[in-house]
Amino acid sequence: MNKADEIINEAISEINNQFDDVNIENKPDFLLLDSEGTIDSVALVNLFITIETLIEEKTGKEISVVKEDSFESENTPFKSVGSLTDYIKSLLNE
């Protein structure tokens, strides 16, 4: 398992434990940010913050996951767990 997968796994687990009504499935096709998505905005923001914190703890890098134009694209990296994982891999240069 590479560092990005490890970070995503841990972040999803933390968010699922933190919110009683949230159950993010750690599957590539699970929708995070979509009209059909079931994750509320507070949980999603907390997921991003948790990912940033874990990146810093595990790699020593300070990386901002959310960029100004991240939500504008139809191909947003936050659409699904799989696209988010790929995005984190690219940020970590894996």
N, C-alpha and C. Protein backbone atom coordinates (compact mmCIF):
# COMPACT_ATOMS: atom_id res chain seq x y z
N MET A 1 0.85 -1.18 0.00
CA MET A 1 0.00 0.00 0.00
C MET A 1 0.90 1.24 0.00
N ASN A 2 0.61 2.18 -0.91
CA ASN A 2 1.42 3.39 -0.95
C ASN A 2 0.93 4.41 0.06
N LYS A 3 1.66 5.50 0.22
CA LYS A 3 1.37 6.49 1.24
C LYS A 3 0.00 7.13 1.04
N ALA A 4 -0.38 7.43 -0.20
CA ALA A 4 -1.68 8.05 -0.46
C ALA A 4 -2.82 7.12 -0.05
N ASP A 5 -2.73 5.85 -0.39
CA ASP A 5 -3.76 4.89 0.01
C ASP A 5 -3.86 4.80 1.53
N GLU A 6 -2.71 4.78 2.18
CA GLU A 6 -2.66 4.70 3.64
C GLU A 6 -3.34 5.93 4.27
N ILE A 7 -3.05 7.10 3.73
CA ILE A 7 -3.64 8.35 4.24
C ILE A 7 -5.14 8.36 4.03
N ILE A 8 -5.60 7.99 2.84
CA ILE A 8 -7.04 7.97 2.54
C ILE A 8 -7.75 6.98 3.45
N ASN A 9 -7.19 5.78 3.60
CA ASN A 9 -7.80 4.77 4.48
C ASN A 9 -7.96 5.29 5.90
N GLU A 10 -6.91 5.87 6.42
CA GLU A 10 -6.94 6.37 7.79
C GLU A 10 -7.91 7.54 7.95
N ALA A 11 -7.92 8.44 6.97
CA ALA A 11 -8.81 9.61 7.03
C ALA A 11 -10.27 9.19 6.98
N ILE A 12 -10.61 8.26 6.10
CA ILE A 12 -11.99 7.78 6.00
C ILE A 12 -12.41 7.12 7.30
N SER A 13 -11.55 6.33 7.85
CA SER A 13 -11.85 5.67 9.12
C SER A 13 -12.10 6.69 10.23
N GLU A 14 -11.25 7.72 10.29
CA GLU A 14 -11.41 8.75 11.31
C GLU A 14 -12.73 9.49 11.16
N ILE A 15 -13.10 9.84 9.93
CA ILE A 15 -14.35 10.58 9.70
C ILE A 15 -15.55 9.70 10.00
N ASN A 16 -15.51 8.45 9.61
CA ASN A 16 -16.62 7.53 9.92
C ASN A 16 -16.80 7.38 11.43
N ASN A 17 -15.71 7.39 12.17
CA ASN A 17 -15.79 7.29 13.64
C ASN A 17 -16.23 8.59 14.29
N GLN A 18 -15.90 9.70 13.66
CA GLN A 18 -16.20 11.02 14.21
C GLN A 18 -17.67 11.40 14.05
N PHE A 19 -18.29 10.98 12.94
CA PHE A 19 -19.68 11.35 12.64
C PHE A 19 -20.56 10.11 12.66
N ASP A 20 -21.57 10.12 13.53
CA ASP A 20 -22.47 8.97 13.66
C ASP A 20 -23.27 8.69 12.39
N ASP A 21 -23.63 9.74 11.66
CA ASP A 21 -24.49 9.57 10.49
C ASP A 21 -23.72 9.51 9.17
N VAL A 22 -22.41 9.35 9.24
CA VAL A 22 -21.59 9.29 8.03
C VAL A 22 -20.98 7.91 7.89
N ASN A 23 -21.09 7.37 6.69
CA ASN A 23 -20.47 6.08 6.40
C ASN A 23 -19.85 6.14 5.00
N ILE A 24 -18.63 6.65 4.95
CA ILE A 24 -17.91 6.72 3.69
C ILE A 24 -17.34 5.33 3.42
N GLU A 25 -17.72 4.76 2.30
CA GLU A 25 -17.19 3.45 1.93
C GLU A 25 -15.85 3.65 1.24
N ASN A 26 -14.88 2.89 1.66
CA ASN A 26 -13.55 3.00 1.07
C ASN A 26 -13.47 2.17 -0.21
N LYS A 27 -14.26 2.63 -1.18
CA LYS A 27 -14.31 1.99 -2.50
C LYS A 27 -14.08 3.08 -3.54
N PRO A 28 -13.33 2.80 -4.58
CA PRO A 28 -13.01 3.84 -5.57
C PRO A 28 -14.23 4.53 -6.18
N ASP A 29 -15.33 3.82 -6.34
CA ASP A 29 -16.50 4.42 -6.98
C ASP A 29 -17.50 5.06 -6.01
N PHE A 30 -17.16 5.11 -4.72
CA PHE A 30 -18.05 5.73 -3.74
C PHE A 30 -18.05 7.24 -3.96
N LEU A 31 -19.23 7.82 -4.18
CA LEU A 31 -19.35 9.24 -4.50
C LEU A 31 -19.24 10.11 -3.25
N LEU A 32 -18.39 11.12 -3.36
CA LEU A 32 -18.21 12.08 -2.27
C LEU A 32 -18.90 13.40 -2.60
N LEU A 33 -18.63 13.92 -3.77
CA LEU A 33 -19.13 15.23 -4.18
C LEU A 33 -19.87 15.06 -5.50
N ASP A 34 -21.16 14.87 -5.39
CA ASP A 34 -21.97 14.62 -6.56
C ASP A 34 -23.42 14.81 -6.14
N SER A 35 -24.29 15.02 -7.10
CA SER A 35 -25.70 15.19 -6.75
C SER A 35 -26.26 13.94 -6.09
N GLU A 36 -25.64 12.80 -6.33
CA GLU A 36 -26.08 11.55 -5.72
C GLU A 36 -25.30 11.21 -4.45
N GLY A 37 -24.30 12.03 -4.13
CA GLY A 37 -23.46 11.77 -2.97
C GLY A 37 -24.24 11.89 -1.67
N THR A 38 -23.80 11.14 -0.68
CA THR A 38 -24.52 11.10 0.60
C THR A 38 -23.72 11.74 1.73
N ILE A 39 -22.64 12.40 1.41
CA ILE A 39 -21.77 12.99 2.44
C ILE A 39 -22.11 14.47 2.58
N ASP A 40 -22.39 14.91 3.81
CA ASP A 40 -22.70 16.33 3.99
C ASP A 40 -21.42 17.15 3.95
N SER A 41 -21.58 18.46 3.79
CA SER A 41 -20.43 19.34 3.58
C SER A 41 -19.51 19.40 4.79
N VAL A 42 -20.06 19.31 6.00
CA VAL A 42 -19.22 19.35 7.20
C VAL A 42 -18.29 18.14 7.25
N ALA A 43 -18.83 16.97 6.97
CA ALA A 43 -18.02 15.75 6.96
C ALA A 43 -16.97 15.82 5.85
N LEU A 44 -17.34 16.36 4.70
CA LEU A 44 -16.41 16.45 3.58
C LEU A 44 -15.26 17.40 3.92
N VAL A 45 -15.56 18.54 4.50
CA VAL A 45 -14.51 19.48 4.90
C VAL A 45 -13.60 18.84 5.94
N ASN A 46 -14.19 18.13 6.89
CA ASN A 46 -13.38 17.43 7.90
C ASN A 46 -12.50 16.35 7.27
N LEU A 47 -13.00 15.69 6.24
CA LEU A 47 -12.19 14.70 5.53
C LEU A 47 -10.96 15.38 4.92
N PHE A 48 -11.16 16.52 4.27
CA PHE A 48 -10.04 17.25 3.66
C PHE A 48 -9.02 17.68 4.71
N ILE A 49 -9.50 18.20 5.83
CA ILE A 49 -8.60 18.64 6.91
C ILE A 49 -7.82 17.45 7.48
N THR A 50 -8.52 16.34 7.66
CA THR A 50 -7.86 15.14 8.18
C THR A 50 -6.79 14.65 7.21
N ILE A 51 -7.08 14.68 5.93
CA ILE A 51 -6.10 14.27 4.92
C ILE A 51 -4.88 15.18 4.98
N GLU A 52 -5.09 16.50 5.05
CA GLU A 52 -3.97 17.44 5.13
C GLU A 52 -3.12 17.18 6.37
N THR A 53 -3.78 16.94 7.50
CA THR A 53 -3.06 16.66 8.75
C THR A 53 -2.24 15.38 8.64
N LEU A 54 -2.84 14.34 8.07
CA LEU A 54 -2.14 13.06 7.93
C LEU A 54 -0.98 13.17 6.95
N ILE A 55 -1.14 13.94 5.89
CA ILE A 55 -0.04 14.15 4.94
C ILE A 55 1.15 14.76 5.67
N GLU A 56 0.87 15.79 6.47
CA GLU A 56 1.96 16.45 7.20
C GLU A 56 2.60 15.50 8.21
N GLU A 57 1.78 14.73 8.94
CA GLU A 57 2.31 13.80 9.94
C GLU A 57 3.15 12.70 9.31
N LYS A 58 2.72 12.19 8.17
CA LYS A 58 3.37 11.02 7.59
C LYS A 58 4.48 11.36 6.60
N THR A 59 4.46 12.58 6.03
CA THR A 59 5.47 12.92 5.03
C THR A 59 6.29 14.15 5.40
N GLY A 60 5.79 14.94 6.36
CA GLY A 60 6.46 16.19 6.69
C GLY A 60 6.14 17.31 5.72
N LYS A 61 5.29 17.05 4.72
CA LYS A 61 4.93 18.06 3.73
C LYS A 61 3.65 18.76 4.14
N GLU A 62 3.63 20.08 3.96
CA GLU A 62 2.41 20.85 4.15
C GLU A 62 1.78 21.05 2.79
N ILE A 63 0.67 20.37 2.58
CA ILE A 63 0.00 20.41 1.28
C ILE A 63 -1.45 20.82 1.49
N SER A 64 -1.89 21.78 0.69
CA SER A 64 -3.30 22.18 0.71
C SER A 64 -4.05 21.30 -0.28
N VAL A 65 -4.98 20.53 0.24
CA VAL A 65 -5.75 19.61 -0.62
C VAL A 65 -6.74 20.38 -1.48
N VAL A 66 -7.38 21.37 -0.91
CA VAL A 66 -8.40 22.13 -1.64
C VAL A 66 -7.76 23.37 -2.24
N LYS A 67 -7.82 23.44 -3.55
CA LYS A 67 -7.33 24.60 -4.29
C LYS A 67 -8.54 25.42 -4.73
N GLU A 68 -8.32 26.66 -5.07
CA GLU A 68 -9.41 27.56 -5.42
C GLU A 68 -10.27 27.02 -6.56
N ASP A 69 -9.64 26.40 -7.55
CA ASP A 69 -10.39 25.93 -8.71
C ASP A 69 -10.75 24.44 -8.64
N SER A 70 -10.54 23.81 -7.50
CA SER A 70 -10.77 22.37 -7.37
C SER A 70 -12.21 21.95 -7.60
N PHE A 71 -13.14 22.82 -7.28
CA PHE A 71 -14.56 22.47 -7.39
C PHE A 71 -15.17 22.92 -8.71
N GLU A 72 -14.45 23.72 -9.47
CA GLU A 72 -15.00 24.29 -10.69
C GLU A 72 -15.02 23.31 -11.85
N SER A 73 -14.12 22.43 -11.88
CA SER A 73 -14.00 21.49 -13.00
C SER A 73 -15.06 20.40 -12.92
N GLU A 74 -15.53 19.99 -14.08
CA GLU A 74 -16.46 18.85 -14.12
C GLU A 74 -15.75 17.59 -13.64
N ASN A 75 -14.44 17.56 -13.82
CA ASN A 75 -13.63 16.42 -13.38
C ASN A 75 -12.99 16.71 -12.03
N THR A 76 -13.76 17.22 -11.10
CA THR A 76 -13.23 17.55 -9.78
C THR A 76 -12.60 16.32 -9.13
N PRO A 77 -11.47 16.50 -8.48
CA PRO A 77 -10.82 15.35 -7.83
C PRO A 77 -11.57 14.86 -6.59
N PHE A 78 -12.63 15.56 -6.22
CA PHE A 78 -13.38 15.20 -5.02
C PHE A 78 -14.67 14.44 -5.33
N LYS A 79 -14.85 14.03 -6.58
CA LYS A 79 -16.08 13.36 -6.97
C LYS A 79 -16.26 12.01 -6.27
N SER A 80 -15.18 11.25 -6.17
CA SER A 80 -15.27 9.91 -5.59
C SER A 80 -14.03 9.60 -4.76
N VAL A 81 -14.09 8.53 -4.02
CA VAL A 81 -12.92 8.10 -3.24
C VAL A 81 -11.76 7.80 -4.18
N GLY A 82 -12.03 7.18 -5.31
CA GLY A 82 -10.98 6.85 -6.27
C GLY A 82 -10.31 8.08 -6.86
N SER A 83 -11.12 9.08 -7.25
CA SER A 83 -10.54 10.30 -7.82
C SER A 83 -9.77 11.09 -6.76
N LEU A 84 -10.27 11.07 -5.52
CA LEU A 84 -9.56 11.74 -4.42
C LEU A 84 -8.22 11.05 -4.15
N THR A 85 -8.20 9.74 -4.16
CA THR A 85 -6.96 8.99 -3.94
C THR A 85 -5.95 9.31 -5.05
N ASP A 86 -6.40 9.32 -6.30
CA ASP A 86 -5.51 9.66 -7.42
C ASP A 86 -4.95 11.07 -7.27
N TYR A 87 -5.80 11.99 -6.84
CA TYR A 87 -5.39 13.37 -6.64
C TYR A 87 -4.33 13.48 -5.54
N ILE A 88 -4.53 12.76 -4.46
CA ILE A 88 -3.55 12.78 -3.36
C ILE A 88 -2.23 12.16 -3.84
N LYS A 89 -2.31 11.11 -4.61
CA LYS A 89 -1.09 10.52 -5.19
C LYS A 89 -0.33 11.55 -6.02
N SER A 90 -1.07 12.34 -6.81
CA SER A 90 -0.40 13.35 -7.65
C SER A 90 0.22 14.45 -6.79
N LEU A 91 -0.46 14.84 -5.71
CA LEU A 91 0.10 15.86 -4.81
C LEU A 91 1.36 15.36 -4.13
N LEU A 92 1.40 14.05 -3.83
CA LEU A 92 2.57 13.46 -3.18
C LEU A 92 3.61 12.97 -4.17
N ASN A 93 3.33 13.15 -5.46
CA ASN A 93 4.23 12.70 -6.52
C ASN A 93 4.50 11.20 -6.45
N GLU A 94 3.44 10.41 -6.20
CA GLU A 94 3.61 8.95 -6.14
C GLU A 94 3.34 8.34 -7.49
